[in-house]
C-alpha atoms as a PDB file:
ATOM      1  CA  UNK A   1      -0.165   0.198   0.258  1.00  0.00           C
ATOM      2  CA  UNK A   2       1.537   3.666  -1.042  1.00  0.00           C
ATOM      3  CA  UNK A   3       1.816   6.023   2.168  1.00  0.00           C
ATOM      4  CA  UNK A   4      -0.277   8.940   0.335  1.00  0.00           C
ATOM      5  CA  UNK A   5       1.001  11.314   2.982  1.00  0.00           C
ATOM      6  CA  UNK A   6       4.934  10.718   1.896  1.00  0.00           C
ATOM      7  CA  UNK A   7       5.988  13.815  -0.136  1.00  0.00           C
ATOM      8  CA  UNK A   8       9.854  12.975  -2.235  1.00  0.00           C
ATOM      9  CA  UNK A   9      11.647  16.239  -3.179  1.00  0.00           C
ATOM     10  CA  UNK A  10      15.329  16.963  -3.990  1.00  0.00           C
ATOM     11  CA  UNK A  11      16.901  19.556  -1.865  1.00  0.00           C
ATOM     12  CA  UNK A  12      18.935  21.700  -2.484  1.00  0.00           C
ATOM     13  CA  UNK A  13      22.989  21.911  -0.999  1.00  0.00           C
ATOM     14  CA  UNK A  14      22.389  24.854   1.051  1.00  0.00           C
ATOM     15  CA  UNK A  15      19.386  23.877   2.267  1.00  0.00           C
ATOM     16  CA  UNK A  16      19.932  20.085   3.335  1.00  0.00           C
ATOM     17  CA  UNK A  17      23.023  21.312   5.223  1.00  0.00           C
ATOM     18  CA  UNK A  18      21.352  23.697   7.331  1.00  0.00           C
ATOM     19  CA  UNK A  19      18.834  20.560   7.945  1.00  0.00           C
ATOM     20  CA  UNK A  20      21.985  18.657   8.936  1.00  0.00           C
ATOM     21  CA  UNK A  21      23.280  21.016  10.692  1.00  0.00           C
ATOM     22  CA  UNK A  22      19.459  21.576  12.517  1.00  0.00           C
ATOM     23  CA  UNK A  23      19.304  17.959  12.894  1.00  0.00           C
ATOM     24  CA  UNK A  24      22.616  16.993  14.484  1.00  0.00           C
ATOM     25  CA  UNK A  25      22.579  19.676  16.966  1.00  0.00           C
ATOM     26  CA  UNK A  26      19.286  18.306  18.047  1.00  0.00           C
ATOM     27  CA  UNK A  27      20.744  15.519  18.708  1.00  0.00           C
ATOM     28  CA  UNK A  28      18.130  13.585  15.894  1.00  0.00           C
ATOM     29  CA  UNK A  29      20.834  11.366  14.857  1.00  0.00           C
ATOM     30  CA  UNK A  30      19.692   7.588  13.370  1.00  0.00           C
ATOM     31  CA  UNK A  31      22.477   5.085  12.660  1.00  0.00           C
ATOM     32  CA  UNK A  32      25.202   7.666  12.782  1.00  0.00           C
ATOM     33  CA  UNK A  33      23.426  10.033   9.909  1.00  0.00           C
ATOM     34  CA  UNK A  34      21.363  13.102  10.498  1.00  0.00           C
ATOM     35  CA  UNK A  35      17.405  12.911  10.139  1.00  0.00           C
ATOM     36  CA  UNK A  36      16.844  15.194   7.313  1.00  0.00           C
ATOM     37  CA  UNK A  37      12.808  13.579   7.020  1.00  0.00           C
ATOM     38  CA  UNK A  38      12.898  14.510  11.257  1.00  0.00           C
ATOM     39  CA  UNK A  39      14.457  17.847  10.828  1.00  0.00           C
ATOM     40  CA  UNK A  40      12.127  19.144   8.451  1.00  0.00           C
ATOM     41  CA  UNK A  41       8.631  17.364  10.098  1.00  0.00           C
ATOM     42  CA  UNK A  42       9.951  19.427  13.788  1.00  0.00           C
ATOM     43  CA  UNK A  43      10.718  22.607  11.525  1.00  0.00           C
ATOM     44  CA  UNK A  44       7.270  22.417  10.233  1.00  0.00           C
ATOM     45  CA  UNK A  45       5.496  21.490  13.266  1.00  0.00           C
ATOM     46  CA  UNK A  46       7.713  24.563  14.916  1.00  0.00           C
ATOM     47  CA  UNK A  47       6.877  26.711  12.174  1.00  0.00           C
ATOM     48  CA  UNK A  48       3.086  25.974  11.813  1.00  0.00           C
ATOM     49  CA  UNK A  49       1.326  23.987  14.581  1.00  0.00           C
ATOM     50  CA  UNK A  50       0.549  24.669  18.656  1.00  0.00           C
ATOM     51  CA  UNK A  51      -0.175  22.593  21.185  1.00  0.00           C
ATOM     52  CA  UNK A  52      -3.548  20.731  19.938  1.00  0.00           C
ATOM     53  CA  UNK A  53      -1.800  19.965  16.546  1.00  0.00           C
ATOM     54  CA  UNK A  54      -4.050  21.828  14.840  1.00  0.00           C
ATOM     55  CA  UNK A  55      -2.860  23.361  11.945  1.00  0.00           C
ATOM     56  CA  UNK A  56      -2.932  26.981  11.823  1.00  0.00           C
ATOM     57  CA  UNK A  57      -0.534  29.838  10.754  1.00  0.00           C
ATOM     58  CA  UNK A  58       2.258  31.350  12.650  1.00  0.00           C
ATOM     59  CA  UNK A  59       2.275  34.791  10.694  1.00  0.00           C
ATOM     60  CA  UNK A  60      -0.048  36.851   9.259  1.00  0.00           C
ATOM     61  CA  UNK A  61       1.826  38.152   6.086  1.00  0.00           C
ATOM     62  CA  UNK A  62       2.367  33.912   4.922  1.00  0.00           C
ATOM     63  CA  UNK A  63      -0.364  33.375   2.287  1.00  0.00           C
ATOM     64  CA  UNK A  64      -0.007  29.315   2.512  1.00  0.00           C
ATOM     65  CA  UNK A  65      -3.249  28.867   0.240  1.00  0.00           C
ATOM     66  CA  UNK A  66      -1.085  31.428  -2.204  1.00  0.00           C
ATOM     67  CA  UNK A  67       1.962  29.138  -1.963  1.00  0.00           C
ATOM     68  CA  UNK A  68      -0.006  26.019  -3.039  1.00  0.00           C
ATOM     69  CA  UNK A  69      -1.813  27.819  -6.012  1.00  0.00           C
ATOM     70  CA  UNK A  70       1.525  29.258  -7.382  1.00  0.00           C
ATOM     71  CA  UNK A  71       3.070  26.091  -6.831  1.00  0.00           C
ATOM     72  CA  UNK A  72       0.756  24.276  -8.010  1.00  0.00           C
ATOM     73  CA  UNK A  73       0.136  26.847 -10.787  1.00  0.00           C
ATOM     74  CA  UNK A  74       3.560  26.172 -12.075  1.00  0.00           C
ATOM     75  CA  UNK A  75       3.784  22.693 -12.225  1.00  0.00           C
ATOM     76  CA  UNK A  76       0.645  22.239 -14.079  1.00  0.00           C
ATOM     77  CA  UNK A  77       2.376  24.737 -16.491  1.00  0.00           C
ATOM     78  CA  UNK A  78       5.739  22.798 -16.927  1.00  0.00           C
ATOM     79  CA  UNK A  79       3.321  19.493 -17.519  1.00  0.00           C
ATOM     80  CA  UNK A  80       1.760  21.469 -20.678  1.00  0.00           C
ATOM     81  CA  UNK A  81       4.654  22.371 -21.895  1.00  0.00           C
ATOM     82  CA  UNK A  82       6.118  19.180 -21.731  1.00  0.00           C
ATOM     83  CA  UNK A  83       3.194  17.495 -23.555  1.00  0.00           C
ATOM     84  CA  UNK A  84       3.904  20.257 -26.574  1.00  0.00           C
ATOM     85  CA  UNK A  85       6.666  19.098 -27.065  1.00  0.00           C
ATOM     86  CA  UNK A  86       6.029  15.931 -26.917  1.00  0.00           C
ATOM     87  CA  UNK A  87       3.251  16.523 -29.427  1.00  0.00           C
ATOM     88  CA  UNK A  88       5.576  18.404 -31.241  1.00  0.00           C
ATOM     89  CA  UNK A  89       8.130  14.976 -31.836  1.00  0.00           C
ATOM     90  CA  UNK A  90       5.399  13.412 -32.580  1.00  0.00           C
ATOM     91  CA  UNK A  91       4.794  15.818 -35.357  1.00  0.00           C
ATOM     92  CA  UNK A  92       8.264  16.440 -36.366  1.00  0.00           C
ATOM     93  CA  UNK A  93       8.832  12.711 -36.486  1.00  0.00           C
ATOM     94  CA  UNK A  94       5.224  12.073 -39.552  1.00  0.00           C
ATOM     95  CA  UNK A  95       6.922  15.280 -40.733  1.00  0.00           C
ATOM     96  CA  UNK A  96      10.523  13.486 -40.851  1.00  0.00           C
ATOM     97  CA  UNK A  97       8.717   9.873 -42.488  1.00  0.00           C
ATOM     98  CA  UNK A  98       6.862  11.902 -45.232  1.00  0.00           C
ATOM     99  CA  UNK A  99      10.304  13.725 -46.152  1.00  0.00           C
ATOM    100  CA  UNK A 100      12.470  10.563 -46.573  1.00  0.00           C
ATOM    101  CA  UNK A 101       9.929   8.414 -48.318  1.00  0.00           C
ATOM    102  CA  UNK A 102       9.478  11.780 -50.720  1.00  0.00           C
ATOM    103  CA  UNK A 103      13.376  12.548 -50.908  1.00  0.00           C
ATOM    104  CA  UNK A 104      13.495   8.444 -51.422  1.00  0.00           C
ATOM    105  CA  UNK A 105      10.921   8.897 -54.465  1.00  0.00           C
ATOM    106  CA  UNK A 106      12.616  11.621 -55.778  1.00  0.00           C
ATOM    107  CA  UNK A 107      15.944   9.963 -55.669  1.00  0.00           C
ATOM    108  CA  UNK A 108      14.358   6.993 -57.325  1.00  0.00           C
ATOM    109  CA  UNK A 109      13.368   9.011 -60.143  1.00  0.00           C
ATOM    110  CA  UNK A 110      16.288  10.597 -60.861  1.00  0.00           C
ATOM    111  CA  UNK A 111      18.777   7.287 -60.844  1.00  0.00           C
ATOM    112  CA  UNK A 112      15.671   6.443 -63.361  1.00  0.00           C
ATOM    113  CA  UNK A 113      16.602   9.502 -65.576  1.00  0.00           C
ATOM    114  CA  UNK A 114      20.450   9.430 -64.872  1.00  0.00           C
ATOM    115  CA  UNK A 115      20.695   5.656 -65.911  1.00  0.00           C
ATOM    116  CA  UNK A 116      18.507   6.618 -68.903  1.00  0.00           C
ATOM    117  CA  UNK A 117      20.648   9.999 -70.060  1.00  0.00           C
ATOM    118  CA  UNK A 118      23.967   7.998 -69.014  1.00  0.00           C
ATOM    119  CA  UNK A 119      22.197   5.563 -71.751  1.00  0.00           C
ATOM    120  CA  UNK A 120      21.390   8.263 -74.654  1.00  0.00           C
ATOM    121  CA  UNK A 121      25.130   9.177 -73.582  1.00  0.00           C
ATOM    122  CA  UNK A 122      26.692   5.589 -74.170  1.00  0.00           C
ATOM    123  CA  UNK A 123      24.939   5.237 -77.597  1.00  0.00           C
ATOM    124  CA  UNK A 124      26.378   8.479 -78.566  1.00  0.00           C
ATOM    125  CA  UNK A 125      29.541   7.880 -77.457  1.00  0.00           C
ATOM    126  CA  UNK A 126      29.323   4.429 -79.681  1.00  0.00           C
ATOM    127  CA  UNK A 127      27.870   6.470 -82.956  1.00  0.00           C
ATOM    128  CA  UNK A 128      30.705   8.862 -82.447  1.00  0.00           C
ATOM    129  CA  UNK A 129      33.259   6.198 -82.333  1.00  0.00           C
ATOM    130  CA  UNK A 130      31.721   4.301 -85.365  1.00  0.00           C
ATOM    131  CA  UNK A 131      31.995   7.782 -87.669  1.00  0.00           C
ATOM    132  CA  UNK A 132      35.718   7.664 -86.649  1.00  0.00           C
ATOM    133  CA  UNK A 133      36.644   4.680 -87.224  1.00  0.00           C
ATOM    134  CA  UNK A 134      34.463   4.540 -91.206  1.00  0.00           C
ATOM    135  CA  UNK A 135      36.363   8.274 -91.128  1.00  0.00           C
ATOM    136  CA  UNK A 136      39.643   7.169 -90.708  1.00  0.00           C
ATOM    137  CA  UNK A 137      39.046   3.731 -93.334  1.00  0.00           C
ATOM    138  CA  UNK A 138      37.837   6.608 -96.126  1.00  0.00           C
ATOM    139  CA  UNK A 139      41.032   8.135 -95.164  1.00  0.00           C
ATOM    140  CA  UNK A 140      43.484   5.274 -95.344  1.00  0.00           C
ATOM    141  CA  UNK A 141      41.752   3.817 -98.526  1.00  0.00           C
END
């Protein structure tokens, strides 16, 4: 069963160092390492919980709804950009396939034209050689 309350995030190094220091200073150590998760929870509890364990804002200057809305909108915009990028990639691949087919068709046509023209050139050379040989025979005779 998945814990729907679990959160996984990648922390910037400076914040991770601060949390490490906080956890170590408060004695939050597990298996010889600072308990970063415990430090985060302790800081959040200090900031947002009172003795009754009800969530509240400590400061009126912080608008949690606004922060959450901005975060959700930002993530939604990132996802929409990724979807648009995927659509462009699919369109690009389809366009590339059509261009490749057209290129193959053009090459086939050009190859056929070249073969025909080479055949004509070879025939013309043979005619010229035959004419030159005939002229030599007349001159020699």
